[in-house]
PDB file of all heavy atoms in Angstrom:
ATOM      1  N   ARG A   1       3.965   6.450   3.976  1.00  0.00           N
ATOM      2  CA  ARG A   1       5.411   6.611   4.096  1.00  0.00           C
ATOM      3  C   ARG A   1       6.098   5.450   3.394  1.00  0.00           C
ATOM      4  O   ARG A   1       5.748   4.291   3.586  1.00  0.00           O
ATOM      5  CB  ARG A   1       5.857   6.650   5.559  1.00  0.00           C
ATOM      6  CG  ARG A   1       5.482   7.931   6.288  1.00  0.00           C
ATOM      7  CD  ARG A   1       6.280   9.123   5.783  1.00  0.00           C
ATOM      8  NE  ARG A   1       5.990  10.321   6.557  1.00  0.00           N
ATOM      9  CZ  ARG A   1       4.995  11.161   6.332  1.00  0.00           C
ATOM     10  NH1 ARG A   1       4.145  10.909   5.340  1.00  0.00           N
ATOM     11  NH2 ARG A   1       4.800  12.237   7.076  1.00  0.00           N
ATOM     12  N   HIS A   2       7.093   5.795   2.582  1.00  0.00           N
ATOM     13  CA  HIS A   2       7.833   4.786   1.829  1.00  0.00           C
ATOM     14  C   HIS A   2       8.950   4.219   2.709  1.00  0.00           C
ATOM     15  O   HIS A   2       9.553   4.939   3.504  1.00  0.00           O
ATOM     16  CB  HIS A   2       8.429   5.431   0.575  1.00  0.00           C
ATOM     17  CG  HIS A   2       8.854   4.464  -0.478  1.00  0.00           C
ATOM     18  ND1 HIS A   2      10.014   3.732  -0.383  1.00  0.00           N
ATOM     19  CD2 HIS A   2       8.272   4.095  -1.654  1.00  0.00           C
ATOM     20  CE1 HIS A   2      10.136   2.973  -1.452  1.00  0.00           C
ATOM     21  NE2 HIS A   2       9.083   3.167  -2.227  1.00  0.00           N
ATOM     22  N   LEU A   3       9.216   2.923   2.578  1.00  0.00           N
ATOM     23  CA  LEU A   3      10.374   2.363   3.268  1.00  0.00           C
ATOM     24  C   LEU A   3      11.643   3.031   2.756  1.00  0.00           C
ATOM     25  O   LEU A   3      11.708   3.447   1.589  1.00  0.00           O
ATOM     26  CB  LEU A   3      10.455   0.850   3.045  1.00  0.00           C
ATOM     27  CG  LEU A   3       9.391  -0.032   3.690  1.00  0.00           C
ATOM     28  CD1 LEU A   3       9.753  -1.503   3.523  1.00  0.00           C
ATOM     29  CD2 LEU A   3       9.211   0.283   5.163  1.00  0.00           C
ATOM     30  N   PRO A   4      12.682   3.127   3.591  1.00  0.00           N
ATOM     31  CA  PRO A   4      13.888   3.859   3.198  1.00  0.00           C
ATOM     32  C   PRO A   4      14.805   3.065   2.267  1.00  0.00           C
ATOM     33  O   PRO A   4      16.016   2.949   2.503  1.00  0.00           O
ATOM     34  CB  PRO A   4      14.573   4.135   4.544  1.00  0.00           C
ATOM     35  CG  PRO A   4      14.192   2.968   5.389  1.00  0.00           C
ATOM     36  CD  PRO A   4      12.775   2.637   4.989  1.00  0.00           C
ATOM     37  N   VAL A   5      14.237   2.502   1.203  1.00  0.00           N
ATOM     38  CA  VAL A   5      15.046   1.716   0.265  1.00  0.00           C
ATOM     39  C   VAL A   5      14.303   1.641  -1.066  1.00  0.00           C
ATOM     40  O   VAL A   5      13.070   1.654  -1.101  1.00  0.00           O
ATOM     41  CB  VAL A   5      15.311   0.298   0.823  1.00  0.00           C
ATOM     42  CG1 VAL A   5      14.022  -0.512   0.925  1.00  0.00           C
ATOM     43  CG2 VAL A   5      16.356  -0.437  -0.005  1.00  0.00           C
ATOM     44  N   ASP A   6      15.056   1.577  -2.147  1.00  0.00           N
ATOM     45  CA  ASP A   6      14.481   1.499  -3.489  1.00  0.00           C
ATOM     46  C   ASP A   6      14.386   0.037  -3.905  1.00  0.00           C
ATOM     47  O   ASP A   6      15.401  -0.660  -3.990  1.00  0.00           O
ATOM     48  CB  ASP A   6      15.369   2.278  -4.468  1.00  0.00           C
ATOM     49  CG  ASP A   6      14.787   2.320  -5.879  1.00  0.00           C
ATOM     50  OD1 ASP A   6      13.651   1.841  -6.054  1.00  0.00           O
ATOM     51  OD2 ASP A   6      15.471   2.835  -6.772  1.00  0.00           O
ATOM     52  N   LEU A   7      13.163  -0.429  -4.166  1.00  0.00           N
ATOM     53  CA  LEU A   7      12.957  -1.827  -4.555  1.00  0.00           C
ATOM     54  C   LEU A   7      12.665  -1.972  -6.045  1.00  0.00           C
ATOM     55  O   LEU A   7      12.358  -3.061  -6.516  1.00  0.00           O
ATOM     56  CB  LEU A   7      11.800  -2.433  -3.745  1.00  0.00           C
ATOM     57  CG  LEU A   7      11.982  -2.458  -2.225  1.00  0.00           C
ATOM     58  CD1 LEU A   7      10.767  -3.093  -1.564  1.00  0.00           C
ATOM     59  CD2 LEU A   7      13.253  -3.188  -1.839  1.00  0.00           C
ATOM     60  N   ALA A   8      12.785  -0.873  -6.766  1.00  0.00           N
ATOM     61  CA  ALA A   8      12.570  -0.934  -8.218  1.00  0.00           C
ATOM     62  C   ALA A   8      13.809  -1.490  -8.914  1.00  0.00           C
ATOM     63  O   ALA A   8      14.932  -1.339  -8.437  1.00  0.00           O
ATOM     64  CB  ALA A   8      12.254   0.463  -8.755  1.00  0.00           C
ATOM     65  N   ASN A   9      13.606  -2.170 -10.016  1.00  0.00           N
ATOM     66  CA  ASN A   9      14.696  -2.669 -10.873  1.00  0.00           C
ATOM     67  C   ASN A   9      15.645  -3.621 -10.157  1.00  0.00           C
ATOM     68  O   ASN A   9      16.860  -3.621 -10.401  1.00  0.00           O
ATOM     69  CB  ASN A   9      15.501  -1.488 -11.445  1.00  0.00           C
ATOM     70  CG  ASN A   9      14.629  -0.513 -12.200  1.00  0.00           C
ATOM     71  OD1 ASN A   9      13.800  -0.911 -13.013  1.00  0.00           O
ATOM     72  ND2 ASN A   9      14.803   0.779 -11.917  1.00  0.00           N
ATOM     73  N   LEU A  10      15.089  -4.452  -9.259  1.00  0.00           N
ATOM     74  CA  LEU A  10      15.924  -5.449  -8.579  1.00  0.00           C
ATOM     75  C   LEU A  10      16.069  -6.732  -9.393  1.00  0.00           C
ATOM     76  O   LEU A  10      16.900  -7.579  -9.079  1.00  0.00           O
ATOM     77  CB  LEU A  10      15.323  -5.800  -7.208  1.00  0.00           C
ATOM     78  CG  LEU A  10      15.314  -4.703  -6.150  1.00  0.00           C
ATOM     79  CD1 LEU A  10      14.700  -5.246  -4.859  1.00  0.00           C
ATOM     80  CD2 LEU A  10      16.713  -4.171  -5.896  1.00  0.00           C
ATOM     81  N   GLY A  11      15.218  -6.880 -10.393  1.00  0.00           N
ATOM     82  CA  GLY A  11      15.249  -8.113 -11.173  1.00  0.00           C
ATOM     83  C   GLY A  11      14.358  -9.195 -10.617  1.00  0.00           C
ATOM     84  O   GLY A  11      14.282 -10.296 -11.167  1.00  0.00           O
ATOM     85  N   ILE A  12      13.675  -8.918  -9.485  1.00  0.00           N
ATOM     86  CA  ILE A  12      12.714  -9.857  -8.897  1.00  0.00           C
ATOM     87  C   ILE A  12      11.448  -9.069  -8.553  1.00  0.00           C
ATOM     88  O   ILE A  12      11.491  -7.853  -8.374  1.00  0.00           O
ATOM     89  CB  ILE A  12      13.261 -10.546  -7.628  1.00  0.00           C
ATOM     90  CG1 ILE A  12      13.638  -9.497  -6.572  1.00  0.00           C
ATOM     91  CG2 ILE A  12      14.434 -11.443  -7.957  1.00  0.00           C
ATOM     92  CD1 ILE A  12      14.030 -10.109  -5.236  1.00  0.00           C
ATOM     93  N   PRO A  13      10.309  -9.744  -8.457  1.00  0.00           N
ATOM     94  CA  PRO A  13       9.070  -9.026  -8.144  1.00  0.00           C
ATOM     95  C   PRO A  13       9.084  -8.419  -6.737  1.00  0.00           C
ATOM     96  O   PRO A  13       9.655  -8.992  -5.805  1.00  0.00           O
ATOM     97  CB  PRO A  13       7.997 -10.121  -8.244  1.00  0.00           C
ATOM     98  CG  PRO A  13       8.610 -11.215  -9.042  1.00  0.00           C
ATOM     99  CD  PRO A  13      10.069 -11.173  -8.741  1.00  0.00           C
ATOM    100  N   ALA A  14       8.447  -7.263  -6.602  1.00  0.00           N
ATOM    101  CA  ALA A  14       8.264  -6.624  -5.300  1.00  0.00           C
ATOM    102  C   ALA A  14       6.810  -6.192  -5.172  1.00  0.00           C
ATOM    103  O   ALA A  14       6.253  -5.578  -6.077  1.00  0.00           O
ATOM    104  CB  ALA A  14       9.190  -5.427  -5.141  1.00  0.00           C
ATOM    105  N   ILE A  15       6.204  -6.538  -4.047  1.00  0.00           N
ATOM    106  CA  ILE A  15       4.823  -6.185  -3.756  1.00  0.00           C
ATOM    107  C   ILE A  15       4.809  -5.324  -2.490  1.00  0.00           C
ATOM    108  O   ILE A  15       5.584  -5.565  -1.559  1.00  0.00           O
ATOM    109  CB  ILE A  15       3.967  -7.449  -3.512  1.00  0.00           C
ATOM    110  CG1 ILE A  15       3.877  -8.301  -4.770  1.00  0.00           C
ATOM    111  CG2 ILE A  15       2.573  -7.080  -3.010  1.00  0.00           C
ATOM    112  CD1 ILE A  15       2.946  -7.777  -5.825  1.00  0.00           C
ATOM    113  N   TYR A  16       3.918  -4.338  -2.451  1.00  0.00           N
ATOM    114  CA  TYR A  16       3.798  -3.467  -1.288  1.00  0.00           C
ATOM    115  C   TYR A  16       2.483  -3.746  -0.575  1.00  0.00           C
ATOM    116  O   TYR A  16       1.448  -3.922  -1.211  1.00  0.00           O
ATOM    117  CB  TYR A  16       3.862  -1.998  -1.706  1.00  0.00           C
ATOM    118  CG  TYR A  16       5.201  -1.609  -2.282  1.00  0.00           C
ATOM    119  CD1 TYR A  16       5.533  -1.912  -3.608  1.00  0.00           C
ATOM    120  CD2 TYR A  16       6.159  -0.972  -1.499  1.00  0.00           C
ATOM    121  CE1 TYR A  16       6.768  -1.577  -4.133  1.00  0.00           C
ATOM    122  CE2 TYR A  16       7.397  -0.628  -2.015  1.00  0.00           C
ATOM    123  CZ  TYR A  16       7.695  -0.931  -3.341  1.00  0.00           C
ATOM    124  OH  TYR A  16       8.920  -0.601  -3.850  1.00  0.00           O
ATOM    125  N   ALA A  17       2.536  -3.775   0.755  1.00  0.00           N
ATOM    126  CA  ALA A  17       1.330  -4.019   1.548  1.00  0.00           C
ATOM    127  C   ALA A  17       1.394  -3.151   2.797  1.00  0.00           C
ATOM    128  O   ALA A  17       2.333  -3.247   3.588  1.00  0.00           O
ATOM    129  CB  ALA A  17       1.233  -5.494   1.938  1.00  0.00           C
ATOM    130  N   PHE A  18       0.412  -2.282   2.940  1.00  0.00           N
ATOM    131  CA  PHE A  18       0.327  -1.389   4.088  1.00  0.00           C
ATOM    132  C   PHE A  18       1.547  -0.470   4.188  1.00  0.00           C
ATOM    133  O   PHE A  18       2.089  -0.215   5.264  1.00  0.00           O
ATOM    134  CB  PHE A  18       0.155  -2.177   5.401  1.00  0.00           C
ATOM    135  CG  PHE A  18      -0.514  -1.378   6.491  1.00  0.00           C
ATOM    136  CD1 PHE A  18      -1.880  -1.171   6.471  1.00  0.00           C
ATOM    137  CD2 PHE A  18       0.218  -0.832   7.528  1.00  0.00           C
ATOM    138  CE1 PHE A  18      -2.492  -0.422   7.470  1.00  0.00           C
ATOM    139  CE2 PHE A  18      -0.389  -0.083   8.524  1.00  0.00           C
ATOM    140  CZ  PHE A  18      -1.755   0.129   8.500  1.00  0.00           C
ATOM    141  N   THR A  19       2.005   0.014   3.046  1.00  0.00           N
ATOM    142  CA  THR A  19       3.066   1.019   3.004  1.00  0.00           C
ATOM    143  C   THR A  19       2.999   1.702   1.647  1.00  0.00           C
ATOM    144  O   THR A  19       2.391   1.168   0.714  1.00  0.00           O
ATOM    145  CB  THR A  19       4.455   0.388   3.235  1.00  0.00           C
ATOM    146  OG1 THR A  19       5.416   1.410   3.484  1.00  0.00           O
ATOM    147  CG2 THR A  19       4.904  -0.441   2.036  1.00  0.00           C
ATOM    148  N   GLU A  20       3.620   2.874   1.522  1.00  0.00           N
ATOM    149  CA  GLU A  20       3.564   3.604   0.258  1.00  0.00           C
ATOM    150  C   GLU A  20       4.401   2.883  -0.801  1.00  0.00           C
ATOM    151  O   GLU A  20       5.569   2.580  -0.566  1.00  0.00           O
ATOM    152  CB  GLU A  20       4.077   5.031   0.441  1.00  0.00           C
ATOM    153  CG  GLU A  20       3.940   5.888  -0.804  1.00  0.00           C
ATOM    154  CD  GLU A  20       4.419   7.317  -0.594  1.00  0.00           C
ATOM    155  OE1 GLU A  20       5.174   7.554   0.369  1.00  0.00           O
ATOM    156  OE2 GLU A  20       4.040   8.180  -1.393  1.00  0.00           O
ATOM    157  N   PRO A  21       3.835   2.614  -1.979  1.00  0.00           N
ATOM    158  CA  PRO A  21       4.566   1.857  -3.002  1.00  0.00           C
ATOM    159  C   PRO A  21       5.420   2.747  -3.894  1.00  0.00           C
ATOM    160  O   PRO A  21       5.268   3.970  -3.912  1.00  0.00           O
ATOM    161  CB  PRO A  21       3.438   1.225  -3.817  1.00  0.00           C
ATOM    162  CG  PRO A  21       2.336   2.242  -3.737  1.00  0.00           C
ATOM    163  CD  PRO A  21       2.433   2.844  -2.359  1.00  0.00           C
ATOM    164  N   ASP A  22       6.316   2.112  -4.641  1.00  0.00           N
ATOM    165  CA  ASP A  22       6.998   2.794  -5.735  1.00  0.00           C
ATOM    166  C   ASP A  22       5.990   3.079  -6.837  1.00  0.00           C
ATOM    167  O   ASP A  22       4.960   2.391  -6.942  1.00  0.00           O
ATOM    168  CB  ASP A  22       8.112   1.896  -6.312  1.00  0.00           C
ATOM    169  CG  ASP A  22       9.344   1.863  -5.416  1.00  0.00           C
ATOM    170  OD1 ASP A  22       9.628   2.892  -4.788  1.00  0.00           O
ATOM    171  OD2 ASP A  22      10.011   0.809  -5.359  1.00  0.00           O
ATOM    172  N   PRO A  23       6.261   4.056  -7.695  1.00  0.00           N
ATOM    173  CA  PRO A  23       5.384   4.266  -8.860  1.00  0.00           C
ATOM    174  C   PRO A  23       5.331   3.007  -9.729  1.00  0.00           C
ATOM    175  O   PRO A  23       6.325   2.287  -9.854  1.00  0.00           O
ATOM    176  CB  PRO A  23       6.057   5.427  -9.596  1.00  0.00           C
ATOM    177  CG  PRO A  23       6.873   6.130  -8.563  1.00  0.00           C
ATOM    178  CD  PRO A  23       7.343   5.055  -7.622  1.00  0.00           C
ATOM    179  N   ASN A  24       4.168   2.724 -10.281  1.00  0.00           N
ATOM    180  CA  ASN A  24       3.970   1.580 -11.182  1.00  0.00           C
ATOM    181  C   ASN A  24       4.178   0.231 -10.505  1.00  0.00           C
ATOM    182  O   ASN A  24       4.468  -0.768 -11.166  1.00  0.00           O
ATOM    183  CB  ASN A  24       4.894   1.689 -12.398  1.00  0.00           C
ATOM    184  CG  ASN A  24       4.638   2.949 -13.200  1.00  0.00           C
ATOM    185  OD1 ASN A  24       3.488   3.309 -13.434  1.00  0.00           O
ATOM    186  ND2 ASN A  24       5.707   3.634 -13.594  1.00  0.00           N
ATOM    187  N   ALA A  25       4.039   0.209  -9.176  1.00  0.00           N
ATOM    188  CA  ALA A  25       4.137  -1.058  -8.449  1.00  0.00           C
ATOM    189  C   ALA A  25       2.741  -1.541  -8.070  1.00  0.00           C
ATOM    190  O   ALA A  25       1.741  -0.849  -8.268  1.00  0.00           O
ATOM    191  CB  ALA A  25       4.983  -0.878  -7.193  1.00  0.00           C
ATOM    192  N   ILE A  26       2.675  -2.745  -7.530  1.00  0.00           N
ATOM    193  CA  ILE A  26       1.417  -3.314  -7.037  1.00  0.00           C
ATOM    194  C   ILE A  26       1.397  -3.163  -5.524  1.00  0.00           C
ATOM    195  O   ILE A  26       2.365  -3.508  -4.844  1.00  0.00           O
ATOM    196  CB  ILE A  26       1.295  -4.788  -7.426  1.00  0.00           C
ATOM    197  CG1 ILE A  26       1.247  -4.937  -8.949  1.00  0.00           C
ATOM    198  CG2 ILE A  26       0.053  -5.420  -6.794  1.00  0.00           C
ATOM    199  CD1 ILE A  26       1.302  -6.367  -9.422  1.00  0.00           C
ATOM    200  N   ALA A  27       0.296  -2.626  -4.995  1.00  0.00           N
ATOM    201  CA  ALA A  27       0.212  -2.402  -3.557  1.00  0.00           C
ATOM    202  C   ALA A  27      -1.166  -2.802  -3.039  1.00  0.00           C
ATOM    203  O   ALA A  27      -2.169  -2.722  -3.759  1.00  0.00           O
ATOM    204  CB  ALA A  27       0.492  -0.941  -3.220  1.00  0.00           C
ATOM    205  N   PHE A  28      -1.198  -3.228  -1.784  1.00  0.00           N
ATOM    206  CA  PHE A  28      -2.439  -3.585  -1.107  1.00  0.00           C
ATOM    207  C   PHE A  28      -2.550  -2.765   0.176  1.00  0.00           C
ATOM    208  O   PHE A  28      -1.611  -2.718   0.971  1.00  0.00           O
ATOM    209  CB  PHE A  28      -2.464  -5.079  -0.762  1.00  0.00           C
ATOM    210  CG  PHE A  28      -2.510  -5.973  -1.967  1.00  0.00           C
ATOM    211  CD1 PHE A  28      -1.336  -6.354  -2.618  1.00  0.00           C
ATOM    212  CD2 PHE A  28      -3.727  -6.441  -2.456  1.00  0.00           C
ATOM    213  CE1 PHE A  28      -1.377  -7.177  -3.735  1.00  0.00           C
ATOM    214  CE2 PHE A  28      -3.767  -7.265  -3.576  1.00  0.00           C
ATOM    215  CZ  PHE A  28      -2.592  -7.636  -4.212  1.00  0.00           C
ATOM    216  N   VAL A  29      -3.690  -2.104   0.363  1.00  0.00           N
ATOM    217  CA  VAL A  29      -3.943  -1.329   1.573  1.00  0.00           C
ATOM    218  C   VAL A  29      -5.370  -1.582   2.038  1.00  0.00           C
ATOM    219  O   VAL A  29      -6.217  -2.058   1.272  1.00  0.00           O
ATOM    220  CB  VAL A  29      -3.731   0.187   1.355  1.00  0.00           C
ATOM    221  CG1 VAL A  29      -2.292   0.493   0.967  1.00  0.00           C
ATOM    222  CG2 VAL A  29      -4.710   0.724   0.318  1.00  0.00           C
ATOM    223  N   SER A  30      -5.643  -1.258   3.292  1.00  0.00           N
ATOM    224  CA  SER A  30      -7.000  -1.359   3.810  1.00  0.00           C
ATOM    225  C   SER A  30      -7.804  -0.145   3.358  1.00  0.00           C
ATOM    226  O   SER A  30      -7.258   0.952   3.179  1.00  0.00           O
ATOM    227  CB  SER A  30      -6.970  -1.423   5.341  1.00  0.00           C
ATOM    228  OG  SER A  30      -6.261  -2.557   5.779  1.00  0.00           O
ATOM    229  N   ASP A  31      -9.081  -0.336   3.185  1.00  0.00           N
ATOM    230  CA  ASP A  31      -9.976   0.756   2.793  1.00  0.00           C
ATOM    231  C   ASP A  31     -10.377   1.528   4.049  1.00  0.00           C
ATOM    232  O   ASP A  31     -11.392   1.246   4.685  1.00  0.00           O
ATOM    233  CB  ASP A  31     -11.211   0.183   2.086  1.00  0.00           C
ATOM    234  CG  ASP A  31     -12.157   1.270   1.592  1.00  0.00           C
ATOM    235  OD1 ASP A  31     -11.864   2.459   1.807  1.00  0.00           O
ATOM    236  OD2 ASP A  31     -13.190   0.918   0.998  1.00  0.00           O
ATOM    237  N   ASP A  32      -9.576   2.533   4.418  1.00  0.00           N
ATOM    238  CA  ASP A  32      -9.811   3.275   5.657  1.00  0.00           C
ATOM    239  C   ASP A  32     -11.128   4.038   5.620  1.00  0.00           C
ATOM    240  O   ASP A  32     -11.854   4.089   6.627  1.00  0.00           O
ATOM    241  CB  ASP A  32      -8.647   4.240   5.906  1.00  0.00           C
ATOM    242  CG  ASP A  32      -7.436   3.521   6.435  1.00  0.00           C
ATOM    243  OD1 ASP A  32      -7.356   3.312   7.657  1.00  0.00           O
ATOM    244  OD2 ASP A  32      -6.566   3.142   5.635  1.00  0.00           O
ATOM    245  N   ALA A  33     -11.437   4.637   4.486  1.00  0.00           N
ATOM    246  CA  ALA A  33     -12.700   5.364   4.377  1.00  0.00           C
ATOM    247  C   ALA A  33     -13.878   4.410   4.538  1.00  0.00           C
ATOM    248  O   ALA A  33     -14.859   4.715   5.227  1.00  0.00           O
ATOM    249  CB  ALA A  33     -12.774   6.085   3.035  1.00  0.00           C
ATOM    250  N   GLY A  34     -13.785   3.255   3.922  1.00  0.00           N
ATOM    251  CA  GLY A  34     -14.843   2.256   4.066  1.00  0.00           C
ATOM    252  C   GLY A  34     -14.985   1.783   5.499  1.00  0.00           C
ATOM    253  O   GLY A  34     -16.101   1.566   5.990  1.00  0.00           O
ATOM    254  N   GLY A  35     -13.847   1.614   6.190  1.00  0.00           N
ATOM    255  CA  GLY A  35     -13.898   1.210   7.592  1.00  0.00           C
ATOM    256  C   GLY A  35     -14.563   2.259   8.461  1.00  0.00           C
ATOM    257  O   GLY A  35     -15.360   1.940   9.359  1.00  0.00           O
ATOM    258  N   ALA A  36     -14.248   3.542   8.210  1.00  0.00           N
ATOM    259  CA  ALA A  36     -14.876   4.622   8.970  1.00  0.00           C
ATOM    260  C   ALA A  36     -16.383   4.645   8.717  1.00  0.00           C
ATOM    261  O   ALA A  36     -17.187   4.877   9.638  1.00  0.00           O
ATOM    262  CB  ALA A  36     -14.249   5.956   8.580  1.00  0.00           C
ATOM    263  N   ARG A  37     -16.771   4.394   7.481  1.00  0.00           N
ATOM    264  CA  ARG A  37     -18.205   4.339   7.155  1.00  0.00           C
ATOM    265  C   ARG A  37     -18.910   3.256   7.977  1.00  0.00           C
ATOM    266  O   ARG A  37     -20.018   3.465   8.475  1.00  0.00           O
ATOM    267  CB  ARG A  37     -18.397   4.049   5.673  1.00  0.00           C
ATOM    268  CG  ARG A  37     -18.387   5.290   4.799  1.00  0.00           C
ATOM    269  CD  ARG A  37     -18.835   4.976   3.371  1.00  0.00           C
ATOM    270  NE  ARG A  37     -19.232   6.213   2.708  1.00  0.00           N
ATOM    271  CZ  ARG A  37     -20.433   6.748   2.770  1.00  0.00           C
ATOM    272  NH1 ARG A  37     -21.385   6.145   3.457  1.00  0.00           N
ATOM    273  NH2 ARG A  37     -20.717   7.880   2.146  1.00  0.00           N
ATOM    274  N   LEU A  38     -18.275   2.099   8.094  1.00  0.00           N
ATOM    275  CA  LEU A  38     -18.877   1.017   8.871  1.00  0.00           C
ATOM    276  C   LEU A  38     -19.175   1.475  10.292  1.00  0.00           C
ATOM    277  O   LEU A  38     -20.240   1.182  10.853  1.00  0.00           O
ATOM    278  CB  LEU A  38     -17.940  -0.192   8.912  1.00  0.00           C
ATOM    279  CG  LEU A  38     -17.736  -0.978   7.617  1.00  0.00           C
ATOM    280  CD1 LEU A  38     -16.679  -2.059   7.829  1.00  0.00           C
ATOM    281  CD2 LEU A  38     -19.041  -1.599   7.145  1.00  0.00           C
ATOM    282  N   ALA A  39     -18.222   2.194  10.892  1.00  0.00           N
ATOM    283  CA  ALA A  39     -18.378   2.633  12.280  1.00  0.00           C
ATOM    284  C   ALA A  39     -19.500   3.661  12.425  1.00  0.00           C
ATOM    285  O   ALA A  39     -20.383   3.520  13.283  1.00  0.00           O
ATOM    286  CB  ALA A  39     -17.057   3.219  12.779  1.00  0.00           C
ATOM    287  N   VAL A  40     -19.483   4.695  11.585  1.00  0.00           N
ATOM    288  CA  VAL A  40     -20.462   5.778  11.726  1.00  0.00           C
ATOM    289  C   VAL A  40     -21.861   5.293  11.335  1.00  0.00           C
ATOM    290  O   VAL A  40     -22.862   5.646  11.986  1.00  0.00           O
ATOM    291  CB  VAL A  40     -20.035   7.001  10.886  1.00  0.00           C
ATOM    292  CG1 VAL A  40     -21.013   8.149  11.104  1.00  0.00           C
ATOM    293  CG2 VAL A  40     -18.620   7.449  11.269  1.00  0.00           C
ATOM    294  N   GLU A  41     -21.949   4.463  10.307  1.00  0.00           N
ATOM    295  CA  GLU A  41     -23.259   3.911   9.924  1.00  0.00           C
ATOM    296  C   GLU A  41     -23.824   3.020  11.022  1.00  0.00           C
ATOM    297  O   GLU A  41     -25.048   2.974  11.242  1.00  0.00           O
ATOM    298  CB  GLU A  41     -23.132   3.144   8.616  1.00  0.00           C
ATOM    299  CG  GLU A  41     -22.949   4.051   7.394  1.00  0.00           C
ATOM    300  CD  GLU A  41     -22.616   3.278   6.128  1.00  0.00           C
ATOM    301  OE1 GLU A  41     -22.374   2.044   6.226  1.00  0.00           O
ATOM    302  OE2 GLU A  41     -22.598   3.898   5.042  1.00  0.00           O
ATOM    303  N   HIS A  42     -22.952   2.325  11.739  1.00  0.00           N
ATOM    304  CA  HIS A  42     -23.403   1.491  12.856  1.00  0.00           C
ATOM    305  C   HIS A  42     -24.021   2.366  13.945  1.00  0.00           C
ATOM    306  O   HIS A  42     -25.092   2.050  14.490  1.00  0.00           O
ATOM    307  CB  HIS A  42     -22.219   0.699  13.408  1.00  0.00           C
ATOM    308  CG  HIS A  42     -22.594  -0.281  14.481  1.00  0.00           C
ATOM    309  ND1 HIS A  42     -23.229  -1.472  14.228  1.00  0.00           N
ATOM    310  CD2 HIS A  42     -22.432  -0.233  15.832  1.00  0.00           C
ATOM    311  CE1 HIS A  42     -23.438  -2.131  15.364  1.00  0.00           C
ATOM    312  NE2 HIS A  42     -22.963  -1.390  16.355  1.00  0.00           N
TER     313      HIS A  42
END
């Protein structure tokens, strides 16, 4: 889910973390599939 605001073209850098990013932005998220693998493999 994207935050209810447009952070593109602000003239300053914007980074996304644990939320849906704008197109062509930089974002960081957790690897949910990898985390599930850890649990089931355990």
